PDB file of N, CA and C in Angstrom:
ATOM      1  N   MET A   1      26.423  10.049 -26.803  1.00  0.00           N
ATOM      2  CA  MET A   1      25.540  10.166 -25.647  1.00  0.00           C
ATOM      3  C   MET A   1      24.967   8.792 -25.298  1.00  0.00           C
ATOM      4  N   ALA A   2      25.007   8.459 -24.033  1.00  0.00           N
ATOM      5  CA  ALA A   2      24.557   7.140 -23.587  1.00  0.00           C
ATOM      6  C   ALA A   2      23.039   7.030 -23.661  1.00  0.00           C
ATOM      7  N   ASP A   3      22.581   5.838 -23.953  1.00  0.00           N
ATOM      8  CA  ASP A   3      21.149   5.566 -23.988  1.00  0.00           C
ATOM      9  C   ASP A   3      20.692   5.281 -22.560  1.00  0.00           C
ATOM     10  N   ARG A   4      19.889   6.168 -21.997  1.00  0.00           N
ATOM     11  CA  ARG A   4      19.465   6.018 -20.606  1.00  0.00           C
ATOM     12  C   ARG A   4      18.146   5.267 -20.524  1.00  0.00           C
ATOM     13  N   LYS A   5      18.071   4.441 -19.512  1.00  0.00           N
ATOM     14  CA  LYS A   5      16.822   3.726 -19.236  1.00  0.00           C
ATOM     15  C   LYS A   5      16.406   4.066 -17.814  1.00  0.00           C
ATOM     16  N   PHE A   6      15.200   4.568 -17.679  1.00  0.00           N
ATOM     17  CA  PHE A   6      14.695   4.951 -16.370  1.00  0.00           C
ATOM     18  C   PHE A   6      13.711   3.899 -15.889  1.00  0.00           C
ATOM     19  N   LYS A   7      13.852   3.534 -14.640  1.00  0.00           N
ATOM     20  CA  LYS A   7      12.930   2.575 -14.036  1.00  0.00           C
ATOM     21  C   LYS A   7      12.223   3.253 -12.883  1.00  0.00           C
ATOM     22  N   LEU A   8      10.929   3.090 -12.823  1.00  0.00           N
ATOM     23  CA  LEU A   8      10.147   3.626 -11.716  1.00  0.00           C
ATOM     24  C   LEU A   8       9.995   2.527 -10.674  1.00  0.00           C
ATOM     25  N   HIS A   9      10.314   2.859  -9.440  1.00  0.00           N
ATOM     26  CA  HIS A   9      10.281   1.854  -8.382  1.00  0.00           C
ATOM     27  C   HIS A   9       9.066   1.969  -7.472  1.00  0.00           C
ATOM     28  N   ASP A  10       8.430   3.112  -7.449  1.00  0.00           N
ATOM     29  CA  ASP A  10       7.309   3.327  -6.547  1.00  0.00           C
ATOM     30  C   ASP A  10       6.028   2.830  -7.202  1.00  0.00           C
ATOM     31  N   GLY A  11       5.449   1.772  -6.666  1.00  0.00           N
ATOM     32  CA  GLY A  11       4.276   1.173  -7.283  1.00  0.00           C
ATOM     33  C   GLY A  11       2.947   1.693  -6.764  1.00  0.00           C
ATOM     34  N   ARG A  12       2.982   2.729  -5.919  1.00  0.00           N
ATOM     35  CA  ARG A  12       1.725   3.233  -5.356  1.00  0.00           C
ATOM     36  C   ARG A  12       0.904   3.933  -6.425  1.00  0.00           C
ATOM     37  N   LYS A  13      -0.404   3.747  -6.334  1.00  0.00           N
ATOM     38  CA  LYS A  13      -1.313   4.428  -7.249  1.00  0.00           C
ATOM     39  C   LYS A  13      -2.114   5.450  -6.460  1.00  0.00           C
ATOM     40  N   GLY A  14      -2.666   6.404  -7.166  1.00  0.00           N
ATOM     41  CA  GLY A  14      -3.462   7.394  -6.467  1.00  0.00           C
ATOM     42  C   GLY A  14      -4.128   8.350  -7.423  1.00  0.00           C
ATOM     43  N   SER A  15      -4.506   9.485  -6.895  1.00  0.00           N
ATOM     44  CA  SER A  15      -5.188  10.490  -7.693  1.00  0.00           C
ATOM     45  C   SER A  15      -4.650  11.859  -7.310  1.00  0.00           C
ATOM     46  N   ALA A  16      -5.017  12.842  -8.117  1.00  0.00           N
ATOM     47  CA  ALA A  16      -4.613  14.219  -7.843  1.00  0.00           C
ATOM     48  C   ALA A  16      -5.861  15.086  -7.824  1.00  0.00           C
ATOM     49  N   LEU A  17      -5.935  15.980  -6.854  1.00  0.00           N
ATOM     50  CA  LEU A  17      -7.083  16.869  -6.712  1.00  0.00           C
ATOM     51  C   LEU A  17      -6.629  18.307  -6.904  1.00  0.00           C
ATOM     52  N   ALA A  18      -7.312  19.022  -7.790  1.00  0.00           N
ATOM     53  CA  ALA A  18      -7.053  20.453  -7.951  1.00  0.00           C
ATOM     54  C   ALA A  18      -7.932  21.183  -6.942  1.00  0.00           C
ATOM     55  N   VAL A  19      -7.308  22.034  -6.126  1.00  0.00           N
ATOM     56  CA  VAL A  19      -8.023  22.706  -5.044  1.00  0.00           C
ATOM     57  C   VAL A  19      -7.732  24.201  -5.091  1.00  0.00           C
ATOM     58  N   ARG A  20      -8.782  25.019  -4.923  1.00  0.00           N
ATOM     59  CA  ARG A  20      -8.618  26.471  -4.770  1.00  0.00           C
ATOM     60  C   ARG A  20      -9.003  26.809  -3.340  1.00  0.00           C
ATOM     61  N   VAL A  21      -8.056  27.372  -2.589  1.00  0.00           N
ATOM     62  CA  VAL A  21      -8.228  27.590  -1.161  1.00  0.00           C
ATOM     63  C   VAL A  21      -8.502  29.056  -0.847  1.00  0.00           C
ATOM     64  N   THR A  22      -9.455  29.288   0.049  1.00  0.00           N
ATOM     65  CA  THR A  22      -9.689  30.613   0.618  1.00  0.00           C
ATOM     66  C   THR A  22      -9.373  30.513   2.104  1.00  0.00           C
ATOM     67  N   PRO A  23      -8.249  31.120   2.548  1.00  0.00           N
ATOM     68  CA  PRO A  23      -7.907  31.065   3.970  1.00  0.00           C
ATOM     69  C   PRO A  23      -8.710  32.077   4.788  1.00  0.00           C
ATOM     70  N   ARG A  24      -8.580  31.997   6.096  1.00  0.00           N
ATOM     71  CA  ARG A  24      -9.253  32.898   7.044  1.00  0.00           C
ATOM     72  C   ARG A  24     -10.776  32.888   6.897  1.00  0.00           C
ATOM     73  N   ALA A  25     -11.333  31.742   6.601  1.00  0.00           N
ATOM     74  CA  ALA A  25     -12.789  31.622   6.508  1.00  0.00           C
ATOM     75  C   ALA A  25     -13.368  31.426   7.907  1.00  0.00           C
ATOM     76  N   SER A  26     -14.688  31.511   8.021  1.00  0.00           N
ATOM     77  CA  SER A  26     -15.312  31.322   9.333  1.00  0.00           C
ATOM     78  C   SER A  26     -15.223  29.872   9.793  1.00  0.00           C
ATOM     79  N   ARG A  27     -15.150  28.937   8.840  1.00  0.00           N
ATOM     80  CA  ARG A  27     -15.013  27.522   9.180  1.00  0.00           C
ATOM     81  C   ARG A  27     -14.449  26.769   7.984  1.00  0.00           C
ATOM     82  N   ASN A  28     -13.985  25.553   8.207  1.00  0.00           N
ATOM     83  CA  ASN A  28     -13.493  24.702   7.126  1.00  0.00           C
ATOM     84  C   ASN A  28     -14.689  24.103   6.399  1.00  0.00           C
ATOM     85  N   GLU A  29     -14.713  24.267   5.077  1.00  0.00           N
ATOM     86  CA  GLU A  29     -15.818  23.691   4.306  1.00  0.00           C
ATOM     87  C   GLU A  29     -15.455  23.592   2.836  1.00  0.00           C
ATOM     88  N   ILE A  30     -16.105  22.627   2.172  1.00  0.00           N
ATOM     89  CA  ILE A  30     -16.015  22.544   0.714  1.00  0.00           C
ATOM     90  C   ILE A  30     -17.166  23.367   0.179  1.00  0.00           C
ATOM     91  N   VAL A  31     -16.851  24.350  -0.656  1.00  0.00           N
ATOM     92  CA  VAL A  31     -17.860  25.276  -1.155  1.00  0.00           C
ATOM     93  C   VAL A  31     -18.563  24.722  -2.391  1.00  0.00           C
ATOM     94  N   GLU A  32     -17.765  24.320  -3.365  1.00  0.00           N
ATOM     95  CA  GLU A  32     -18.336  23.808  -4.614  1.00  0.00           C
ATOM     96  C   GLU A  32     -17.263  23.115  -5.425  1.00  0.00           C
ATOM     97  N   MET A  33     -17.704  22.423  -6.474  1.00  0.00           N
ATOM     98  CA  MET A  33     -16.789  21.851  -7.434  1.00  0.00           C
ATOM     99  C   MET A  33     -17.016  22.587  -8.748  1.00  0.00           C
ATOM    100  N   LEU A  34     -15.973  23.197  -9.274  1.00  0.00           N
ATOM    101  CA  LEU A  34     -16.067  23.963 -10.507  1.00  0.00           C
ATOM    102  C   LEU A  34     -16.187  23.027 -11.712  1.00  0.00           C
ATOM    103  N   ASP A  35     -16.581  23.587 -12.849  1.00  0.00           N
ATOM    104  CA  ASP A  35     -16.764  22.783 -14.062  1.00  0.00           C
ATOM    105  C   ASP A  35     -15.502  22.032 -14.480  1.00  0.00           C
ATOM    106  N   ASP A  36     -14.334  22.615 -14.194  1.00  0.00           N
ATOM    107  CA  ASP A  36     -13.073  21.957 -14.578  1.00  0.00           C
ATOM    108  C   ASP A  36     -12.610  20.921 -13.548  1.00  0.00           C
ATOM    109  N   GLY A  37     -13.408  20.700 -12.500  1.00  0.00           N
ATOM    110  CA  GLY A  37     -13.073  19.705 -11.488  1.00  0.00           C
ATOM    111  C   GLY A  37     -12.351  20.265 -10.282  1.00  0.00           C
ATOM    112  N   THR A  38     -12.021  21.554 -10.323  1.00  0.00           N
ATOM    113  CA  THR A  38     -11.352  22.179  -9.178  1.00  0.00           C
ATOM    114  C   THR A  38     -12.313  22.247  -7.995  1.00  0.00           C
ATOM    115  N   ILE A  39     -11.802  21.905  -6.821  1.00  0.00           N
ATOM    116  CA  ILE A  39     -12.611  21.917  -5.604  1.00  0.00           C
ATOM    117  C   ILE A  39     -12.336  23.222  -4.865  1.00  0.00           C
ATOM    118  N   LYS A  40     -13.387  24.001  -4.609  1.00  0.00           N
ATOM    119  CA  LYS A  40     -13.223  25.246  -3.847  1.00  0.00           C
ATOM    120  C   LYS A  40     -13.400  24.934  -2.368  1.00  0.00           C
ATOM    121  N   VAL A  41     -12.377  25.276  -1.582  1.00  0.00           N
ATOM    122  CA  VAL A  41     -12.360  24.957  -0.160  1.00  0.00           C
ATOM    123  C   VAL A  41     -12.089  26.224   0.643  1.00  0.00           C
ATOM    124  N   ARG A  42     -12.831  26.385   1.725  1.00  0.00           N
ATOM    125  CA  ARG A  42     -12.561  27.463   2.677  1.00  0.00           C
ATOM    126  C   ARG A  42     -11.904  26.845   3.900  1.00  0.00           C
ATOM    127  N   ILE A  43     -10.833  27.495   4.353  1.00  0.00           N
ATOM    128  CA  ILE A  43     -10.079  27.017   5.516  1.00  0.00           C
ATOM    129  C   ILE A  43     -10.009  28.147   6.536  1.00  0.00           C
ATOM    130  N   ALA A  44     -10.251  27.833   7.802  1.00  0.00           N
ATOM    131  CA  ALA A  44     -10.267  28.848   8.857  1.00  0.00           C
ATOM    132  C   ALA A  44      -8.872  29.392   9.167  1.00  0.00           C
ATOM    133  N   ALA A  45      -7.850  28.597   8.956  1.00  0.00           N
ATOM    134  CA  ALA A  45      -6.488  29.003   9.314  1.00  0.00           C
ATOM    135  C   ALA A  45      -5.980  30.129   8.415  1.00  0.00           C
ATOM    136  N   PRO A  46      -5.080  30.967   8.944  1.00  0.00           N
ATOM    137  CA  PRO A  46      -4.451  32.014   8.121  1.00  0.00           C
ATOM    138  C   PRO A  46      -3.385  31.402   7.212  1.00  0.00           C
ATOM    139  N   PRO A  47      -3.022  32.081   6.129  1.00  0.00           N
ATOM    140  CA  PRO A  47      -2.043  31.519   5.200  1.00  0.00           C
ATOM    141  C   PRO A  47      -0.601  31.549   5.720  1.00  0.00           C
ATOM    142  N   ALA A  48      -0.334  32.273   6.801  1.00  0.00           N
ATOM    143  CA  ALA A  48       1.037  32.419   7.304  1.00  0.00           C
ATOM    144  C   ALA A  48       1.585  31.120   7.885  1.00  0.00           C
ATOM    145  N   ASP A  49       2.898  30.956   7.772  1.00  0.00           N
ATOM    146  CA  ASP A  49       3.617  29.831   8.389  1.00  0.00           C
ATOM    147  C   ASP A  49       3.040  28.462   8.033  1.00  0.00           C
ATOM    148  N   ASP A  50       2.544  28.310   6.842  1.00  0.00           N
ATOM    149  CA  ASP A  50       2.017  27.017   6.371  1.00  0.00           C
ATOM    150  C   ASP A  50       0.791  26.528   7.139  1.00  0.00           C
ATOM    151  N   GLU A  51       0.191  27.391   7.976  1.00  0.00           N
ATOM    152  CA  GLU A  51      -0.966  26.964   8.768  1.00  0.00           C
ATOM    153  C   GLU A  51      -2.128  26.527   7.876  1.00  0.00           C
ATOM    154  N   ALA A  52      -2.401  27.289   6.821  1.00  0.00           N
ATOM    155  CA  ALA A  52      -3.518  26.953   5.932  1.00  0.00           C
ATOM    156  C   ALA A  52      -3.247  25.641   5.205  1.00  0.00           C
ATOM    157  N   ASN A  53      -2.014  25.414   4.764  1.00  0.00           N
ATOM    158  CA  ASN A  53      -1.679  24.157   4.081  1.00  0.00           C
ATOM    159  C   ASN A  53      -1.867  22.966   5.012  1.00  0.00           C
ATOM    160  N   GLU A  54      -1.397  23.100   6.239  1.00  0.00           N
ATOM    161  CA  GLU A  54      -1.553  22.013   7.211  1.00  0.00           C
ATOM    162  C   GLU A  54      -3.023  21.764   7.521  1.00  0.00           C
ATOM    163  N   ALA A  55      -3.795  22.843   7.677  1.00  0.00           N
ATOM    164  CA  ALA A  55      -5.230  22.708   7.949  1.00  0.00           C
ATOM    165  C   ALA A  55      -5.946  22.078   6.755  1.00  0.00           C
ATOM    166  N   LEU A  56      -5.518  22.445   5.546  1.00  0.00           N
ATOM    167  CA  LEU A  56      -6.114  21.877   4.338  1.00  0.00           C
ATOM    168  C   LEU A  56      -5.876  20.373   4.272  1.00  0.00           C
ATOM    169  N   ILE A  57      -4.667  19.941   4.540  1.00  0.00           N
ATOM    170  CA  ILE A  57      -4.353  18.504   4.514  1.00  0.00           C
ATOM    171  C   ILE A  57      -5.173  17.761   5.569  1.00  0.00           C
ATOM    172  N   GLU A  58      -5.265  18.325   6.775  1.00  0.00           N
ATOM    173  CA  GLU A  58      -6.076  17.702   7.833  1.00  0.00           C
ATOM    174  C   GLU A  58      -7.537  17.587   7.424  1.00  0.00           C
ATOM    175  N   PHE A  59      -8.079  18.691   6.896  1.00  0.00           N
ATOM    176  CA  PHE A  59      -9.485  18.739   6.491  1.00  0.00           C
ATOM    177  C   PHE A  59      -9.764  17.737   5.368  1.00  0.00           C
ATOM    178  N   MET A  60      -8.922  17.724   4.343  1.00  0.00           N
ATOM    179  CA  MET A  60      -9.140  16.815   3.216  1.00  0.00           C
ATOM    180  C   MET A  60      -8.962  15.356   3.638  1.00  0.00           C
ATOM    181  N   ALA A  61      -8.053  15.085   4.567  1.00  0.00           N
ATOM    182  CA  ALA A  61      -7.886  13.719   5.071  1.00  0.00           C
ATOM    183  C   ALA A  61      -9.162  13.254   5.772  1.00  0.00           C
ATOM    184  N   ASP A  62      -9.779  14.157   6.548  1.00  0.00           N
ATOM    185  CA  ASP A  62     -11.052  13.831   7.204  1.00  0.00           C
ATOM    186  C   ASP A  62     -12.144  13.555   6.179  1.00  0.00           C
ATOM    187  N   ILE A  63     -12.241  14.420   5.170  1.00  0.00           N
ATOM    188  CA  ILE A  63     -13.272  14.268   4.140  1.00  0.00           C
ATOM    189  C   ILE A  63     -13.109  12.938   3.409  1.00  0.00           C
ATOM    190  N   LEU A  64     -11.863  12.611   3.050  1.00  0.00           N
ATOM    191  CA  LEU A  64     -11.595  11.408   2.265  1.00  0.00           C
ATOM    192  C   LEU A  64     -11.506  10.147   3.118  1.00  0.00           C
ATOM    193  N   GLY A  65     -11.428  10.331   4.443  1.00  0.00           N
ATOM    194  CA  GLY A  65     -11.359   9.172   5.330  1.00  0.00           C
ATOM    195  C   GLY A  65     -10.034   8.425   5.245  1.00  0.00           C
ATOM    196  N   VAL A  66      -8.940   9.188   5.090  1.00  0.00           N
ATOM    197  CA  VAL A  66      -7.613   8.576   5.003  1.00  0.00           C
ATOM    198  C   VAL A  66      -6.667   9.278   5.980  1.00  0.00           C
ATOM    199  N   PRO A  67      -5.558   8.634   6.330  1.00  0.00           N
ATOM    200  CA  PRO A  67      -4.572   9.304   7.172  1.00  0.00           C
ATOM    201  C   PRO A  67      -3.928  10.482   6.431  1.00  0.00           C
ATOM    202  N   LYS A  68      -3.505  11.492   7.177  1.00  0.00           N
ATOM    203  CA  LYS A  68      -2.856  12.664   6.575  1.00  0.00           C
ATOM    204  C   LYS A  68      -1.617  12.274   5.779  1.00  0.00           C
ATOM    205  N   SER A  69      -0.969  11.196   6.168  1.00  0.00           N
ATOM    206  CA  SER A  69       0.261  10.762   5.504  1.00  0.00           C
ATOM    207  C   SER A  69       0.037  10.363   4.046  1.00  0.00           C
ATOM    208  N   ARG A  70      -1.205  10.103   3.658  1.00  0.00           N
ATOM    209  CA  ARG A  70      -1.507   9.721   2.276  1.00  0.00           C
ATOM    210  C   ARG A  70      -1.804  10.920   1.380  1.00  0.00           C
ATOM    211  N   LEU A  71      -1.779  12.131   1.954  1.00  0.00           N
ATOM    212  CA  LEU A  71      -2.014  13.346   1.175  1.00  0.00           C
ATOM    213  C   LEU A  71      -0.743  14.187   1.143  1.00  0.00           C
ATOM    214  N   ASP A  72      -0.546  14.863   0.010  1.00  0.00           N
ATOM    215  CA  ASP A  72       0.628  15.704  -0.132  1.00  0.00           C
ATOM    216  C   ASP A  72       0.314  16.823  -1.114  1.00  0.00           C
ATOM    217  N   ILE A  73       0.684  18.046  -0.769  1.00  0.00           N
ATOM    218  CA  ILE A  73       0.533  19.161  -1.706  1.00  0.00           C
ATOM    219  C   ILE A  73       1.737  19.104  -2.633  1.00  0.00           C
ATOM    220  N   VAL A  74       1.494  18.793  -3.907  1.00  0.00           N
ATOM    221  CA  VAL A  74       2.598  18.616  -4.853  1.00  0.00           C
ATOM    222  C   VAL A  74       2.832  19.852  -5.707  1.00  0.00           C
ATOM    223  N   ALA A  75       1.898  20.791  -5.695  1.00  0.00           N
ATOM    224  CA  ALA A  75       2.073  22.050  -6.433  1.00  0.00           C
ATOM    225  C   ALA A  75       1.241  23.127  -5.758  1.00  0.00           C
ATOM    226  N   GLY A  76       1.744  24.368  -5.794  1.00  0.00           N
ATOM    227  CA  GLY A  76       0.992  25.494  -5.259  1.00  0.00           C
ATOM    228  C   GLY A  76       1.128  25.720  -3.775  1.00  0.00           C
ATOM    229  N   MET A  77       2.256  25.365  -3.209  1.00  0.00           N
ATOM    230  CA  MET A  77       2.445  25.509  -1.758  1.00  0.00           C
ATOM    231  C   MET A  77       2.170  26.930  -1.263  1.00  0.00           C
ATOM    232  N   SER A  78       2.525  27.930  -2.063  1.00  0.00           N
ATOM    233  CA  SER A  78       2.366  29.309  -1.592  1.00  0.00           C
ATOM    234  C   SER A  78       1.204  30.038  -2.259  1.00  0.00           C
ATOM    235  N   GLY A  79       0.494  29.391  -3.153  1.00  0.00           N
ATOM    236  CA  GLY A  79      -0.618  30.044  -3.841  1.00  0.00           C
ATOM    237  C   GLY A  79      -1.962  29.528  -3.382  1.00  0.00           C
ATOM    238  N   ARG A  80      -3.013  30.098  -3.935  1.00  0.00           N
ATOM    239  CA  ARG A  80      -4.376  29.647  -3.607  1.00  0.00           C
ATOM    240  C   ARG A  80      -4.743  28.383  -4.361  1.00  0.00           C
ATOM    241  N   ASP A  81      -4.192  28.219  -5.570  1.00  0.00           N
ATOM    242  CA  ASP A  81      -4.471  27.029  -6.378  1.00  0.00           C
ATOM    243  C   ASP A  81      -3.419  25.971  -6.086  1.00  0.00           C
ATOM    244  N   LYS A  82      -3.885  24.811  -5.646  1.00  0.00           N
ATOM    245  CA  LYS A  82      -2.976  23.740  -5.223  1.00  0.00           C
ATOM    246  C   LYS A  82      -3.336  22.433  -5.917  1.00  0.00           C
ATOM    247  N   LEU A  83      -2.360  21.553  -5.977  1.00  0.00           N
ATOM    248  CA  LEU A  83      -2.588  20.205  -6.470  1.00  0.00           C
ATOM    249  C   LEU A  83      -2.217  19.262  -5.333  1.00  0.00           C
ATOM    250  N   ILE A  84      -3.188  18.462  -4.907  1.00  0.00           N
ATOM    251  CA  ILE A  84      -2.982  17.537  -3.792  1.00  0.00           C
ATOM    252  C   ILE A  84      -2.992  16.116  -4.332  1.00  0.00           C
ATOM    253  N   SER A  85      -1.941  15.355  -4.026  1.00  0.00           N
ATOM    254  CA  SER A  85      -1.924  13.948  -4.418  1.00  0.00           C
ATOM    255  C   SER A  85      -2.494  13.122  -3.264  1.00  0.00           C
ATOM    256  N   VAL A  86      -3.253  12.101  -3.635  1.00  0.00           N
ATOM    257  CA  VAL A  86      -3.835  11.174  -2.664  1.00  0.00           C
ATOM    258  C   VAL A  86      -3.389   9.779  -3.069  1.00  0.00           C
ATOM    259  N   THR A  87      -2.517   9.157  -2.268  1.00  0.00           N
ATOM    260  CA  THR A  87      -2.041   7.820  -2.624  1.00  0.00           C
ATOM    261  C   THR A  87      -3.057   6.768  -2.215  1.00  0.00           C
ATOM    262  N   ASP A  88      -3.085   5.725  -3.007  1.00  0.00           N
ATOM    263  CA  ASP A  88      -3.945   4.554  -2.770  1.00  0.00           C
ATOM    264  C   ASP A  88      -5.438   4.883  -2.783  1.00  0.00           C
ATOM    265  N   MET A  89      -5.836   5.861  -3.586  1.00  0.00           N
ATOM    266  CA  MET A  89      -7.265   6.145  -3.768  1.00  0.00           C
ATOM    267  C   MET A  89      -7.477   6.623  -5.198  1.00  0.00           C
ATOM    268  N   ASP A  90      -8.389   5.958  -5.912  1.00  0.00           N
ATOM    269  CA  ASP A  90      -8.625   6.382  -7.282  1.00  0.00           C
ATOM    270  C   ASP A  90      -9.477   7.649  -7.320  1.00  0.00           C
ATOM    271  N   VAL A  91      -9.460   8.286  -8.470  1.00  0.00           N
ATOM    272  CA  VAL A  91     -10.142   9.565  -8.641  1.00  0.00           C
ATOM    273  C   VAL A  91     -11.643   9.439  -8.371  1.00  0.00           C
ATOM    274  N   GLU A  92     -12.242   8.360  -8.838  1.00  0.00           N
ATOM    275  CA  GLU A  92     -13.692   8.179  -8.676  1.00  0.00           C
ATOM    276  C   GLU A  92     -14.076   8.108  -7.196  1.00  0.00           C
ATOM    277  N   THR A  93     -13.324   7.358  -6.411  1.00  0.00           N
ATOM    278  CA  THR A  93     -13.597   7.247  -4.973  1.00  0.00           C
ATOM    279  C   THR A  93     -13.443   8.604  -4.297  1.00  0.00           C
ATOM    280  N   ALA A  94     -12.365   9.301  -4.613  1.00  0.00           N
ATOM    281  CA  ALA A  94     -12.129  10.620  -4.025  1.00  0.00           C
ATOM    282  C   ALA A  94     -13.276  11.563  -4.394  1.00  0.00           C
ATOM    283  N   HIS A  95     -13.688  11.553  -5.644  1.00  0.00           N
ATOM    284  CA  HIS A  95     -14.767  12.430  -6.111  1.00  0.00           C
ATOM    285  C   HIS A  95     -16.072  12.122  -5.364  1.00  0.00           C
ATOM    286  N   GLN A  96     -16.393  10.836  -5.225  1.00  0.00           N
ATOM    287  CA  GLN A  96     -17.614  10.434  -4.530  1.00  0.00           C
ATOM    288  C   GLN A  96     -17.617  10.907  -3.079  1.00  0.00           C
ATOM    289  N   ARG A  97     -16.501  10.803  -2.403  1.00  0.00           N
ATOM    290  CA  ARG A  97     -16.436  11.212  -0.989  1.00  0.00           C
ATOM    291  C   ARG A  97     -16.552  12.714  -0.847  1.00  0.00           C
ATOM    292  N   ILE A  98     -15.968  13.451  -1.785  1.00  0.00           N
ATOM    293  CA  ILE A  98     -16.068  14.920  -1.752  1.00  0.00           C
ATOM    294  C   ILE A  98     -17.492  15.365  -2.020  1.00  0.00           C
ATOM    295  N   VAL A  99     -18.122  14.795  -3.033  1.00  0.00           N
ATOM    296  CA  VAL A  99     -19.506  15.137  -3.364  1.00  0.00           C
ATOM    297  C   VAL A  99     -20.440  14.780  -2.215  1.00  0.00           C
ATOM    298  N   ALA A 100     -20.225  13.637  -1.588  1.00  0.00           N
ATOM    299  CA  ALA A 100     -21.052  13.212  -0.454  1.00  0.00           C
ATOM    300  C   ALA A 100     -20.933  14.205   0.692  1.00  0.00           C
ATOM    301  N   HIS A 101     -19.758  14.774   0.874  1.00  0.00           N
ATOM    302  CA  HIS A 101     -19.567  15.740   1.950  1.00  0.00           C
ATOM    303  C   HIS A 101     -20.252  17.071   1.633  1.00  0.00           C
ATOM    304  N   MET A 102     -20.345  17.393   0.358  1.00  0.00           N
ATOM    305  CA  MET A 102     -20.964  18.656  -0.054  1.00  0.00           C
ATOM    306  C   MET A 102     -22.479  18.614   0.148  1.00  0.00           C
ATOM    307  N   GLY A 103     -23.063  17.439  -0.036  1.00  0.00           N
ATOM    308  CA  GLY A 103     -24.513  17.328  -0.039  1.00  0.00           C
ATOM    309  C   GLY A 103     -25.135  17.138   1.257  1.00  0.00           C
TER     310      GLY A 103
END
């Protein structure tokens, strides 16, 4: 068996946010941050046809002050629990902006 060497070429850094989404809410809002760091978010859009996912990305981009292109749902596309990657933003900065929006 050949000895494989893997090289990573993408040098972008970022953070990952655990999010629990409630669709069909009265408005888009961050409800709370759970003890494990999961962010509870209410989204007005329905879950059908990826509307809630698209609305979530738009909403989180506004909260974090970044373009939508820097956010990506990397896990949980069809569930309520999602993992969102944010490129070029460290976890501390993302956390501060989310907390500031809650208060």
